Amino acid sequence: MTAFAWHREALERLMGRRSRLPHALLVTGRAGIGKVAFARELARSLLCESPIDLLACGECPSCHWFGQSNHPDYREIVPEAAEEGDAEAGEADGGKEQGKKSLVIKIDQVRAIRDFVALTTHRAGHRAIVLHPAEALQPAAANALLKTLEEPPPATIIVLVSDRPARLLATIRSRCERVQLRAPARREALEWLAAEGAVEPEASLALAGGAPLLAAGLAAPEEREWRRKVVAELSRPDGAHPIAFATGLDRATLERTIFVMQTWVHDLVRIKVAGEPRHHVESSAALRAKARRARLERLLALDRELLEARRLAAHPLNARLAGEHLMMAYNRATLG
């Protein structure tokens, strides 16, 4: 995957410093805007042997190896659970096999970096390592990475990608040059979604907070159908029916439910403070009706509870009971 058009300028600025790049970069920005693709394209351009206008040519031996995912001077470090999917999409596979895979980056994976950088580069050029999401580093792995950053190997660049850089060790952040990526303008994002064949792109982009990759996933038919079900439950004038709704919930549908609830509660808070809904614009009437009875302090408390529930949803738990609990908490916040 190459970097997206809205990040080309940032990529060109970095590659204009090709011979003076720092040994470590921290690429940040909201989830779903293409940070991982940016990091990969940065690595590909750095390893390219015949760059065109500063970026990878796509034709040299290095670019061919990179395209086949077997470049000898490139490594990508991700949690086991993300090895077969797009980590930036933010959606975990709810299957049993996926559940057995690690959700963190382990110390052995970081130690392998030290072995990798100890070797001579295959093409006598640069070596590149992309690690994402950096906030998934186990504490021991983070400390091991810090040792590598403190003693940077020659001709090597390490690119960390993170949605939540505040969760990284301050000492790791201080040893990286930060690259803050932006989301595309709404029009640019909608044009990209249309080219991708997304259905109802405006609604999906609003729900995603302007993040086009996240919006593309939310535009999938099964996602739209589940979202309608959750929104219908949250819109009930007499309150959600926790037991009936939670029947049959599994880990994957619980995570998707929490996401919809978070965006719905954010809209309720925006309305309470004299704002307009941002995510569920098509449900403005239902949101305003619920906001009239909702208490702001309880909505804020519910938002904190949903944030914690989303953090824990990736770990084994009783999804049905968790769903019941969150819907009951929602009723307490919105029924006055």
C-alpha atoms as a PDB file:
ATOM      1  CA  MET A   1       0.000   0.000   0.000  1.00  0.00           C
ATOM      2  CA  THR A   2       1.380   3.426  -0.918  1.00  0.00           C
ATOM      3  CA  ALA A   3       0.810   6.565   1.117  1.00  0.00           C
ATOM      4  CA  PHE A   4      -2.455   8.376   0.532  1.00  0.00           C
ATOM      5  CA  ALA A   5      -2.557  11.549  -1.529  1.00  0.00           C
ATOM      6  CA  TRP A   6      -3.347  13.736   1.475  1.00  0.00           C
ATOM      7  CA  HIS A   7       0.002  12.749   3.056  1.00  0.00           C
ATOM      8  CA  ARG A   8       2.203  13.147  -0.007  1.00  0.00           C
ATOM      9  CA  GLU A   9       3.429  16.616   0.946  1.00  0.00           C
ATOM     10  CA  ALA A  10       4.501  15.427   4.412  1.00  0.00           C
ATOM     11  CA  LEU A  11       6.268  12.448   2.841  1.00  0.00           C
ATOM     12  CA  GLU A  12       8.116  14.620   0.345  1.00  0.00           C
ATOM     13  CA  ARG A  13       9.273  16.972   3.106  1.00  0.00           C
ATOM     14  CA  LEU A  14      10.800  14.071   4.995  1.00  0.00           C
ATOM     15  CA  MET A  15      12.405  12.505   1.949  1.00  0.00           C
ATOM     16  CA  GLY A  16      13.900  15.877   1.070  1.00  0.00           C
ATOM     17  CA  ARG A  17      16.035  15.267   4.165  1.00  0.00           C
ATOM     18  CA  ARG A  18      16.938  11.740   3.082  1.00  0.00           C
ATOM     19  CA  SER A  19      20.605  12.042   4.066  1.00  0.00           C
ATOM     20  CA  ARG A  20      19.799  13.846   7.328  1.00  0.00           C
ATOM     21  CA  LEU A  21      16.844  11.892   8.685  1.00  0.00           C
ATOM     22  CA  PRO A  22      16.912  11.119  12.419  1.00  0.00           C
ATOM     23  CA  HIS A  23      17.330   7.530  13.569  1.00  0.00           C
ATOM     24  CA  ALA A  24      13.760   7.395  14.928  1.00  0.00           C
ATOM     25  CA  LEU A  25      10.419   8.919  13.949  1.00  0.00           C
ATOM     26  CA  LEU A  26       7.116   8.856  15.802  1.00  0.00           C
ATOM     27  CA  VAL A  27       4.205   9.091  13.344  1.00  0.00           C
ATOM     28  CA  THR A  28       1.018  10.209  15.079  1.00  0.00           C
ATOM     29  CA  GLY A  29      -2.497  11.331  14.205  1.00  0.00           C
ATOM     30  CA  ARG A  30      -6.042  10.111  14.651  1.00  0.00           C
ATOM     31  CA  ALA A  31      -6.886   6.493  13.876  1.00  0.00           C
ATOM     32  CA  GLY A  32      -7.971   5.648  10.356  1.00  0.00           C
ATOM     33  CA  ILE A  33      -6.160   8.339   8.354  1.00  0.00           C
ATOM     34  CA  GLY A  34      -3.420   6.178   6.813  1.00  0.00           C
ATOM     35  CA  LYS A  35      -0.461   6.470   9.187  1.00  0.00           C
ATOM     36  CA  VAL A  36       0.733   2.888   8.641  1.00  0.00           C
ATOM     37  CA  ALA A  37       0.612   3.330   4.860  1.00  0.00           C
ATOM     38  CA  PHE A  38       2.633   6.530   5.290  1.00  0.00           C
ATOM     39  CA  ALA A  39       5.269   4.741   7.384  1.00  0.00           C
ATOM     40  CA  ARG A  40       5.552   1.912   4.854  1.00  0.00           C
ATOM     41  CA  GLU A  41       5.908   4.310   1.948  1.00  0.00           C
ATOM     42  CA  LEU A  42       8.549   6.241   3.860  1.00  0.00           C
ATOM     43  CA  ALA A  43      10.499   3.007   4.340  1.00  0.00           C
ATOM     44  CA  ARG A  44      10.016   2.007   0.700  1.00  0.00           C
ATOM     45  CA  SER A  45      11.253   5.403  -0.522  1.00  0.00           C
ATOM     46  CA  LEU A  46      14.227   5.309   1.825  1.00  0.00           C
ATOM     47  CA  LEU A  47      15.247   1.869   0.547  1.00  0.00           C
ATOM     48  CA  CYS A  48      14.605   2.717  -3.128  1.00  0.00           C
ATOM     49  CA  GLU A  49      17.746   2.728  -5.260  1.00  0.00           C
ATOM     50  CA  SER A  50      16.431   5.062  -7.991  1.00  0.00           C
ATOM     51  CA  PRO A  51      13.957   7.495  -6.373  1.00  0.00           C
ATOM     52  CA  ILE A  52      11.831   9.700  -8.622  1.00  0.00           C
ATOM     53  CA  ASP A  53      10.947  13.141  -7.243  1.00  0.00           C
ATOM     54  CA  LEU A  54      12.237  11.976  -3.851  1.00  0.00           C
ATOM     55  CA  LEU A  55       9.840   8.995  -3.638  1.00  0.00           C
ATOM     56  CA  ALA A  56      10.117   5.292  -4.484  1.00  0.00           C
ATOM     57  CA  CYS A  57      10.399   4.535  -8.180  1.00  0.00           C
ATOM     58  CA  GLY A  58       8.501   1.248  -7.993  1.00  0.00           C
ATOM     59  CA  GLU A  59      10.811  -0.368 -10.551  1.00  0.00           C
ATOM     60  CA  CYS A  60      14.197  -1.005  -8.961  1.00  0.00           C
ATOM     61  CA  PRO A  61      15.108  -4.339  -7.314  1.00  0.00           C
ATOM     62  CA  SER A  62      14.563  -2.809  -3.875  1.00  0.00           C
ATOM     63  CA  CYS A  63      11.026  -1.687  -4.752  1.00  0.00           C
ATOM     64  CA  HIS A  64      10.205  -5.122  -6.177  1.00  0.00           C
ATOM     65  CA  TRP A  65      11.397  -6.840  -3.001  1.00  0.00           C
ATOM     66  CA  PHE A  66       9.421  -4.392  -0.900  1.00  0.00           C
ATOM     67  CA  GLY A  67       6.287  -5.010  -2.957  1.00  0.00           C
ATOM     68  CA  GLN A  68       6.671  -8.751  -2.408  1.00  0.00           C
ATOM     69  CA  SER A  69       7.116  -8.237   1.371  1.00  0.00           C
ATOM     70  CA  ASN A  70      10.562  -9.818   1.405  1.00  0.00           C
ATOM     71  CA  HIS A  71      13.021  -6.919   1.398  1.00  0.00           C
ATOM     72  CA  PRO A  72      16.094  -8.071   3.363  1.00  0.00           C
ATOM     73  CA  ASP A  73      16.644  -4.598   4.859  1.00  0.00           C
ATOM     74  CA  TYR A  74      13.084  -4.042   6.075  1.00  0.00           C
ATOM     75  CA  ARG A  75      11.202  -5.332   9.099  1.00  0.00           C
ATOM     76  CA  GLU A  76       7.683  -4.618  10.339  1.00  0.00           C
ATOM     77  CA  ILE A  77       6.866  -5.286  13.982  1.00  0.00           C
ATOM     78  CA  VAL A  78       3.190  -5.728  14.963  1.00  0.00           C
ATOM     79  CA  PRO A  79       1.235  -7.758  17.529  1.00  0.00           C
ATOM     80  CA  GLU A  80       0.495 -11.322  16.448  1.00  0.00           C
ATOM     81  CA  ALA A  81      -3.213 -10.484  16.250  1.00  0.00           C
ATOM     82  CA  ALA A  82      -2.495  -7.836  13.590  1.00  0.00           C
ATOM     83  CA  GLU A  83      -0.194  -9.885  11.362  1.00  0.00           C
ATOM     84  CA  GLU A  84      -3.002 -10.978   9.031  1.00  0.00           C
ATOM     85  CA  GLY A  85      -5.005  -7.770   8.984  1.00  0.00           C
ATOM     86  CA  ASP A  86      -4.790  -4.002   8.788  1.00  0.00           C
ATOM     87  CA  ALA A  87      -3.864  -2.868  12.269  1.00  0.00           C
ATOM     88  CA  GLU A  88      -4.984   0.711  11.599  1.00  0.00           C
ATOM     89  CA  ALA A  89      -8.516  -0.296  10.728  1.00  0.00           C
ATOM     90  CA  GLY A  90      -9.030  -0.801  14.426  1.00  0.00           C
ATOM     91  CA  GLU A  91     -11.289  -3.815  14.170  1.00  0.00           C
ATOM     92  CA  ALA A  92     -10.313  -7.133  15.757  1.00  0.00           C
ATOM     93  CA  ASP A  93     -11.446 -10.455  14.349  1.00  0.00           C
ATOM     94  CA  GLY A  94     -13.945 -12.002  16.711  1.00  0.00           C
ATOM     95  CA  GLY A  95     -13.041 -15.570  15.721  1.00  0.00           C
ATOM     96  CA  LYS A  96     -11.664 -18.079  18.182  1.00  0.00           C
ATOM     97  CA  GLU A  97      -8.340 -18.438  16.378  1.00  0.00           C
ATOM     98  CA  GLN A  98      -7.728 -14.696  16.463  1.00  0.00           C
ATOM     99  CA  GLY A  99      -8.494 -14.638  20.154  1.00  0.00           C
ATOM    100  CA  LYS A 100      -5.485 -16.854  20.849  1.00  0.00           C
ATOM    101  CA  LYS A 101      -3.067 -14.390  19.282  1.00  0.00           C
ATOM    102  CA  SER A 102      -1.213 -11.753  21.261  1.00  0.00           C
ATOM    103  CA  LEU A 103      -2.574  -8.212  21.248  1.00  0.00           C
ATOM    104  CA  VAL A 104       0.738  -6.744  22.414  1.00  0.00           C
ATOM    105  CA  ILE A 105       4.255  -6.406  21.030  1.00  0.00           C
ATOM    106  CA  LYS A 106       6.480  -8.700  23.069  1.00  0.00           C
ATOM    107  CA  ILE A 107      10.045  -8.310  24.203  1.00  0.00           C
ATOM    108  CA  ASP A 108      11.250 -11.133  21.941  1.00  0.00           C
ATOM    109  CA  GLN A 109      10.004  -9.191  18.926  1.00  0.00           C
ATOM    110  CA  VAL A 110      11.971  -6.118  19.998  1.00  0.00           C
ATOM    111  CA  ARG A 111      15.062  -8.160  20.750  1.00  0.00           C
ATOM    112  CA  ALA A 112      14.901  -9.468  17.197  1.00  0.00           C
ATOM    113  CA  ILE A 113      15.382  -5.867  16.057  1.00  0.00           C
ATOM    114  CA  ARG A 114      18.791  -5.804  17.739  1.00  0.00           C
ATOM    115  CA  ASP A 115      19.790  -8.963  15.907  1.00  0.00           C
ATOM    116  CA  PHE A 116      18.543  -7.474  12.637  1.00  0.00           C
ATOM    117  CA  VAL A 117      20.446  -4.195  12.951  1.00  0.00           C
ATOM    118  CA  ALA A 118      23.641  -6.037  13.874  1.00  0.00           C
ATOM    119  CA  LEU A 119      23.807  -7.405  10.315  1.00  0.00           C
ATOM    120  CA  THR A 120      25.346  -5.609   7.354  1.00  0.00           C
ATOM    121  CA  THR A 121      22.704  -4.131   5.065  1.00  0.00           C
ATOM    122  CA  HIS A 122      22.029  -6.285   2.023  1.00  0.00           C
ATOM    123  CA  ARG A 123      22.335  -3.459  -0.535  1.00  0.00           C
ATOM    124  CA  ALA A 124      24.884  -1.321   1.338  1.00  0.00           C
ATOM    125  CA  GLY A 125      22.199   1.300   1.889  1.00  0.00           C
ATOM    126  CA  HIS A 126      19.628   2.051   4.567  1.00  0.00           C
ATOM    127  CA  ARG A 127      17.772  -0.297   6.844  1.00  0.00           C
ATOM    128  CA  ALA A 128      14.158   0.463   7.905  1.00  0.00           C
ATOM    129  CA  ILE A 129      11.945  -0.813  10.723  1.00  0.00           C
ATOM    130  CA  VAL A 130       8.253   0.072  11.130  1.00  0.00           C
ATOM    131  CA  LEU A 131       6.615  -0.732  14.478  1.00  0.00           C
ATOM    132  CA  HIS A 132       2.881  -0.314  15.031  1.00  0.00           C
ATOM    133  CA  PRO A 133       0.862   0.340  17.034  1.00  0.00           C
ATOM    134  CA  ALA A 134       3.611   1.573  19.328  1.00  0.00           C
ATOM    135  CA  GLU A 135       1.238   1.800  22.301  1.00  0.00           C
ATOM    136  CA  ALA A 136       0.935  -2.003  22.136  1.00  0.00           C
ATOM    137  CA  LEU A 137       4.507  -2.410  23.421  1.00  0.00           C
ATOM    138  CA  GLN A 138       4.686  -4.447  26.603  1.00  0.00           C
ATOM    139  CA  PRO A 139       6.587  -2.612  29.377  1.00  0.00           C
ATOM    140  CA  ALA A 140       9.594  -4.924  29.023  1.00  0.00           C
ATOM    141  CA  ALA A 141       9.479  -4.545  25.238  1.00  0.00           C
ATOM    142  CA  ALA A 142       9.319  -0.751  25.567  1.00  0.00           C
ATOM    143  CA  ASN A 143      12.416  -0.763  27.765  1.00  0.00           C
ATOM    144  CA  ALA A 144      14.238  -3.020  25.297  1.00  0.00           C
ATOM    145  CA  LEU A 145      13.333  -0.661  22.451  1.00  0.00           C
ATOM    146  CA  LEU A 146      14.580   2.284  24.490  1.00  0.00           C
ATOM    147  CA  LYS A 147      18.022   0.696  24.664  1.00  0.00           C
ATOM    148  CA  THR A 148      18.114   0.487  20.863  1.00  0.00           C
ATOM    149  CA  LEU A 149      16.994   4.110  20.538  1.00  0.00           C
ATOM    150  CA  GLU A 150      19.679   5.208  22.994  1.00  0.00           C
ATOM    151  CA  GLU A 151      22.369   3.471  20.907  1.00  0.00           C
ATOM    152  CA  PRO A 152      21.093   4.048  17.357  1.00  0.00           C
ATOM    153  CA  PRO A 153      22.640   1.700  14.795  1.00  0.00           C
ATOM    154  CA  PRO A 154      24.144   3.296  11.676  1.00  0.00           C
ATOM    155  CA  ALA A 155      22.109   3.714   8.461  1.00  0.00           C
ATOM    156  CA  THR A 156      18.954   2.598  10.265  1.00  0.00           C
ATOM    157  CA  ILE A 157      15.636   4.368  10.749  1.00  0.00           C
ATOM    158  CA  ILE A 158      12.982   3.135  13.174  1.00  0.00           C
ATOM    159  CA  VAL A 159       9.462   4.425  12.547  1.00  0.00           C
ATOM    160  CA  LEU A 160       6.959   4.112  15.377  1.00  0.00           C
ATOM    161  CA  VAL A 161       3.272   4.603  14.526  1.00  0.00           C
ATOM    162  CA  SER A 162       0.778   5.486  17.236  1.00  0.00           C
ATOM    163  CA  ASP A 163      -2.789   6.684  17.683  1.00  0.00           C
ATOM    164  CA  ARG A 164      -2.106   7.273  21.393  1.00  0.00           C
ATOM    165  CA  PRO A 165       1.443   8.566  21.810  1.00  0.00           C
ATOM    166  CA  ALA A 166       0.735   9.649  25.394  1.00  0.00           C
ATOM    167  CA  ARG A 167       0.750   5.957  26.334  1.00  0.00           C
ATOM    168  CA  LEU A 168       4.382   5.605  25.283  1.00  0.00           C
ATOM    169  CA  LEU A 169       7.280   6.051  27.675  1.00  0.00           C
ATOM    170  CA  ALA A 170       8.285   9.703  27.793  1.00  0.00           C
ATOM    171  CA  THR A 171      11.875   8.594  27.239  1.00  0.00           C
ATOM    172  CA  ILE A 172      10.860   6.874  23.983  1.00  0.00           C
ATOM    173  CA  ARG A 173       8.956   9.933  22.777  1.00  0.00           C
ATOM    174  CA  SER A 174      11.909  12.183  23.561  1.00  0.00           C
ATOM    175  CA  ARG A 175      14.213  10.099  21.359  1.00  0.00           C
ATOM    176  CA  CYS A 176      11.964  10.299  18.307  1.00  0.00           C
ATOM    177  CA  GLU A 177      11.223  13.150  15.945  1.00  0.00           C
ATOM    178  CA  ARG A 178       7.462  13.508  15.866  1.00  0.00           C
ATOM    179  CA  VAL A 179       5.571  13.535  12.569  1.00  0.00           C
ATOM    180  CA  GLN A 180       1.970  14.665  13.080  1.00  0.00           C
ATOM    181  CA  LEU A 181      -0.245  13.610  10.172  1.00  0.00           C
ATOM    182  CA  ARG A 182      -3.529  15.287   9.344  1.00  0.00           C
ATOM    183  CA  ALA A 183      -6.822  13.883   8.219  1.00  0.00           C
ATOM    184  CA  PRO A 184      -7.822  14.872   4.683  1.00  0.00           C
ATOM    185  CA  ALA A 185     -10.307  17.643   4.038  1.00  0.00           C
ATOM    186  CA  ARG A 186     -13.912  16.411   3.992  1.00  0.00           C
ATOM    187  CA  ARG A 187     -14.234  16.808   0.226  1.00  0.00           C
ATOM    188  CA  GLU A 188     -11.003  14.917  -0.402  1.00  0.00           C
ATOM    189  CA  ALA A 189     -12.080  12.138   1.946  1.00  0.00           C
ATOM    190  CA  LEU A 190     -15.496  11.826   0.289  1.00  0.00           C
ATOM    191  CA  GLU A 191     -13.904  11.663  -3.157  1.00  0.00           C
ATOM    192  CA  TRP A 192     -11.627   8.867  -1.979  1.00  0.00           C
ATOM    193  CA  LEU A 193     -14.535   6.968  -0.402  1.00  0.00           C
ATOM    194  CA  ALA A 194     -16.578   7.322  -3.583  1.00  0.00           C
ATOM    195  CA  ALA A 195     -13.670   5.948  -5.612  1.00  0.00           C
ATOM    196  CA  GLU A 196     -13.532   3.013  -3.190  1.00  0.00           C
ATOM    197  CA  GLY A 197     -17.223   2.323  -3.817  1.00  0.00           C
ATOM    198  CA  ALA A 198     -18.349   3.128  -0.275  1.00  0.00           C
ATOM    199  CA  VAL A 199     -22.114   3.214   0.297  1.00  0.00           C
ATOM    200  CA  GLU A 200     -23.472   6.220   2.233  1.00  0.00           C
ATOM    201  CA  PRO A 201     -20.004   7.794   2.464  1.00  0.00           C
ATOM    202  CA  GLU A 202     -21.235  11.008   4.133  1.00  0.00           C
ATOM    203  CA  ALA A 203     -22.782   9.138   7.068  1.00  0.00           C
ATOM    204  CA  SER A 204     -19.777   6.833   7.449  1.00  0.00           C
ATOM    205  CA  LEU A 205     -17.305   9.718   7.341  1.00  0.00           C
ATOM    206  CA  ALA A 206     -19.273  11.636   9.959  1.00  0.00           C
ATOM    207  CA  LEU A 207     -19.361   8.593  12.213  1.00  0.00           C
ATOM    208  CA  ALA A 208     -15.611   8.132  11.736  1.00  0.00           C
ATOM    209  CA  GLY A 209     -14.915  11.715  12.726  1.00  0.00           C
ATOM    210  CA  GLY A 210     -13.406  12.491   9.336  1.00  0.00           C
ATOM    211  CA  ALA A 211     -11.046   9.486   9.207  1.00  0.00           C
ATOM    212  CA  PRO A 212     -11.487   7.958   5.714  1.00  0.00           C
ATOM    213  CA  LEU A 213     -10.010   4.486   6.325  1.00  0.00           C
ATOM    214  CA  LEU A 214     -12.195   4.020   9.368  1.00  0.00           C
ATOM    215  CA  ALA A 215     -15.149   5.331   7.351  1.00  0.00           C
ATOM    216  CA  ALA A 216     -14.499   2.764   4.614  1.00  0.00           C
ATOM    217  CA  GLY A 217     -14.804  -0.044   7.159  1.00  0.00           C
ATOM    218  CA  LEU A 218     -17.944   1.491   8.654  1.00  0.00           C
ATOM    219  CA  ALA A 219     -19.528   1.668   5.194  1.00  0.00           C
ATOM    220  CA  ALA A 220     -19.486  -2.125   4.823  1.00  0.00           C
ATOM    221  CA  PRO A 221     -23.039  -3.579   4.652  1.00  0.00           C
ATOM    222  CA  GLU A 222     -22.721  -5.640   7.838  1.00  0.00           C
ATOM    223  CA  GLU A 223     -21.389  -2.623   9.738  1.00  0.00           C
ATOM    224  CA  ARG A 224     -24.210  -0.375   8.553  1.00  0.00           C
ATOM    225  CA  GLU A 225     -26.805  -2.996   9.493  1.00  0.00           C
ATOM    226  CA  TRP A 226     -25.379  -3.438  12.995  1.00  0.00           C
ATOM    227  CA  ARG A 227     -25.129   0.328  13.454  1.00  0.00           C
ATOM    228  CA  ARG A 228     -28.811   0.720  12.585  1.00  0.00           C
ATOM    229  CA  LYS A 229     -29.684  -1.907  15.199  1.00  0.00           C
ATOM    230  CA  VAL A 230     -27.670  -0.202  17.927  1.00  0.00           C
ATOM    231  CA  VAL A 231     -28.948   3.282  17.056  1.00  0.00           C
ATOM    232  CA  ALA A 232     -32.535   2.001  17.080  1.00  0.00           C
ATOM    233  CA  GLU A 233     -31.927   0.654  20.585  1.00  0.00           C
ATOM    234  CA  LEU A 234     -30.344   3.864  21.811  1.00  0.00           C
ATOM    235  CA  SER A 235     -33.217   5.913  20.310  1.00  0.00           C
ATOM    236  CA  ARG A 236     -36.039   4.152  22.201  1.00  0.00           C
ATOM    237  CA  PRO A 237     -38.092   6.825  24.023  1.00  0.00           C
ATOM    238  CA  ASP A 238     -38.679   4.438  26.939  1.00  0.00           C
ATOM    239  CA  GLY A 239     -35.011   3.491  27.156  1.00  0.00           C
ATOM    240  CA  ALA A 240     -32.931   0.623  25.799  1.00  0.00           C
ATOM    241  CA  HIS A 241     -33.927  -2.972  26.556  1.00  0.00           C
ATOM    242  CA  PRO A 242     -30.608  -4.277  27.931  1.00  0.00           C
ATOM    243  CA  ILE A 243     -31.393  -7.982  28.330  1.00  0.00           C
ATOM    244  CA  ALA A 244     -33.101  -8.416  24.973  1.00  0.00           C
ATOM    245  CA  PHE A 245     -30.429  -6.405  23.140  1.00  0.00           C
ATOM    246  CA  ALA A 246     -27.451  -8.177  24.714  1.00  0.00           C
ATOM    247  CA  THR A 247     -28.688 -11.685  23.926  1.00  0.00           C
ATOM    248  CA  GLY A 248     -26.237 -13.230  21.492  1.00  0.00           C
ATOM    249  CA  LEU A 249     -23.549 -10.555  21.813  1.00  0.00           C
ATOM    250  CA  ASP A 250     -20.008 -11.823  21.265  1.00  0.00           C
ATOM    251  CA  ARG A 251     -16.698 -10.035  21.622  1.00  0.00           C
ATOM    252  CA  ALA A 252     -16.689  -8.650  18.085  1.00  0.00           C
ATOM    253  CA  THR A 253     -20.244  -7.282  18.220  1.00  0.00           C
ATOM    254  CA  LEU A 254     -19.607  -5.907  21.701  1.00  0.00           C
ATOM    255  CA  GLU A 255     -16.643  -3.891  20.417  1.00  0.00           C
ATOM    256  CA  ARG A 256     -18.736  -2.553  17.535  1.00  0.00           C
ATOM    257  CA  THR A 257     -21.566  -1.702  19.939  1.00  0.00           C
ATOM    258  CA  ILE A 258     -19.235   0.202  22.241  1.00  0.00           C
ATOM    259  CA  PHE A 259     -17.934   2.251  19.310  1.00  0.00           C
ATOM    260  CA  VAL A 260     -21.469   3.242  18.267  1.00  0.00           C
ATOM    261  CA  MET A 261     -22.403   4.038  21.876  1.00  0.00           C
ATOM    262  CA  GLN A 262     -19.307   6.220  22.276  1.00  0.00           C
ATOM    263  CA  THR A 263     -20.073   8.280  19.193  1.00  0.00           C
ATOM    264  CA  TRP A 264     -23.756   8.530  20.200  1.00  0.00           C
ATOM    265  CA  VAL A 265     -22.878   9.741  23.705  1.00  0.00           C
ATOM    266  CA  HIS A 266     -20.393  12.241  22.245  1.00  0.00           C
ATOM    267  CA  ASP A 267     -23.239  13.661  20.149  1.00  0.00           C
ATOM    268  CA  LEU A 268     -25.515  13.866  23.187  1.00  0.00           C
ATOM    269  CA  VAL A 269     -22.839  15.806  25.069  1.00  0.00           C
ATOM    270  CA  ARG A 270     -22.350  18.162  22.106  1.00  0.00           C
ATOM    271  CA  ILE A 271     -26.087  18.872  22.019  1.00  0.00           C
ATOM    272  CA  LYS A 272     -26.224  19.449  25.791  1.00  0.00           C
ATOM    273  CA  VAL A 273     -23.558  22.129  25.521  1.00  0.00           C
ATOM    274  CA  ALA A 274     -25.449  23.925  22.727  1.00  0.00           C
ATOM    275  CA  GLY A 275     -23.642  22.244  19.886  1.00  0.00           C
ATOM    276  CA  GLU A 276     -24.650  20.148  16.919  1.00  0.00           C
ATOM    277  CA  PRO A 277     -24.231  16.370  16.524  1.00  0.00           C
ATOM    278  CA  ARG A 278     -21.080  15.382  14.724  1.00  0.00           C
ATOM    279  CA  HIS A 279     -21.330  11.630  14.203  1.00  0.00           C
ATOM    280  CA  HIS A 280     -24.997  10.613  13.867  1.00  0.00           C
ATOM    281  CA  VAL A 281     -26.254  13.621  11.947  1.00  0.00           C
ATOM    282  CA  GLU A 282     -29.022  11.574  10.292  1.00  0.00           C
ATOM    283  CA  SER A 283     -30.441  10.830  13.761  1.00  0.00           C
ATOM    284  CA  SER A 284     -30.541  14.443  14.979  1.00  0.00           C
ATOM    285  CA  ALA A 285     -34.206  14.296  16.011  1.00  0.00           C
ATOM    286  CA  ALA A 286     -33.732  11.182  18.147  1.00  0.00           C
ATOM    287  CA  LEU A 287     -30.556  12.609  19.680  1.00  0.00           C
ATOM    288  CA  ARG A 288     -32.273  15.847  20.636  1.00  0.00           C
ATOM    289  CA  ALA A 289     -35.176  13.977  22.181  1.00  0.00           C
ATOM    290  CA  LYS A 290     -32.799  11.875  24.298  1.00  0.00           C
ATOM    291  CA  ALA A 291     -30.655  14.897  25.189  1.00  0.00           C
ATOM    292  CA  ARG A 292     -33.626  16.717  26.709  1.00  0.00           C
ATOM    293  CA  ARG A 293     -33.891  14.172  29.533  1.00  0.00           C
ATOM    294  CA  ALA A 294     -30.209  13.282  29.803  1.00  0.00           C
ATOM    295  CA  ARG A 295     -28.025  14.674  32.585  1.00  0.00           C
ATOM    296  CA  LEU A 296     -24.669  16.000  31.457  1.00  0.00           C
ATOM    297  CA  GLU A 297     -22.675  14.747  34.439  1.00  0.00           C
ATOM    298  CA  ARG A 298     -24.040  11.236  33.921  1.00  0.00           C
ATOM    299  CA  LEU A 299     -23.256  11.357  30.202  1.00  0.00           C
ATOM    300  CA  LEU A 300     -19.667  12.300  30.993  1.00  0.00           C
ATOM    301  CA  ALA A 301     -19.416   9.471  33.486  1.00  0.00           C
ATOM    302  CA  LEU A 302     -20.865   7.077  30.893  1.00  0.00           C
ATOM    303  CA  ASP A 303     -18.316   8.281  28.351  1.00  0.00           C
ATOM    304  CA  ARG A 304     -15.510   7.380  30.764  1.00  0.00           C
ATOM    305  CA  GLU A 305     -17.090   3.993  31.396  1.00  0.00           C
ATOM    306  CA  LEU A 306     -17.378   3.290  27.667  1.00  0.00           C
ATOM    307  CA  LEU A 307     -13.738   4.258  27.161  1.00  0.00           C
ATOM    308  CA  GLU A 308     -12.685   1.725  29.784  1.00  0.00           C
ATOM    309  CA  ALA A 309     -15.049  -0.908  28.358  1.00  0.00           C
ATOM    310  CA  ARG A 310     -13.538  -0.441  24.903  1.00  0.00           C
ATOM    311  CA  ARG A 311     -10.062  -0.939  26.341  1.00  0.00           C
ATOM    312  CA  LEU A 312     -11.148  -4.175  28.029  1.00  0.00           C
ATOM    313  CA  ALA A 313     -13.313  -5.495  25.192  1.00  0.00           C
ATOM    314  CA  ALA A 314     -10.328  -7.065  23.428  1.00  0.00           C
ATOM    315  CA  HIS A 315      -9.743  -9.344  26.431  1.00  0.00           C
ATOM    316  CA  PRO A 316     -11.822 -12.386  27.366  1.00  0.00           C
ATOM    317  CA  LEU A 317     -15.041 -11.422  29.137  1.00  0.00           C
ATOM    318  CA  ASN A 318     -18.738 -12.197  29.165  1.00  0.00           C
ATOM    319  CA  ALA A 319     -19.890 -10.071  26.246  1.00  0.00           C
ATOM    320  CA  ARG A 320     -23.582 -10.471  27.032  1.00  0.00           C
ATOM    321  CA  LEU A 321     -23.225  -9.272  30.632  1.00  0.00           C
ATOM    322  CA  ALA A 322     -20.984  -6.406  29.538  1.00  0.00           C
ATOM    323  CA  GLY A 323     -23.542  -5.346  26.944  1.00  0.00           C
ATOM    324  CA  GLU A 324     -26.370  -5.474  29.492  1.00  0.00           C
ATOM    325  CA  HIS A 325     -24.358  -3.398  31.948  1.00  0.00           C
ATOM    326  CA  LEU A 326     -23.527  -0.691  29.401  1.00  0.00           C
ATOM    327  CA  MET A 327     -27.107  -0.408  28.179  1.00  0.00           C
ATOM    328  CA  MET A 328     -28.345  -0.109  31.770  1.00  0.00           C
ATOM    329  CA  ALA A 329     -25.740   2.598  32.392  1.00  0.00           C
ATOM    330  CA  TYR A 330     -26.985   4.347  29.249  1.00  0.00           C
ATOM    331  CA  ASN A 331     -30.556   4.278  30.552  1.00  0.00           C
ATOM    332  CA  ARG A 332     -29.455   5.783  33.863  1.00  0.00           C
ATOM    333  CA  ALA A 333     -27.747   8.627  32.013  1.00  0.00           C
ATOM    334  CA  THR A 334     -30.560   9.413  29.567  1.00  0.00           C
ATOM    335  CA  LEU A 335     -33.829   8.779  31.404  1.00  0.00           C
ATOM    336  CA  GLY A 336     -33.441  11.633  33.848  1.00  0.00           C
END
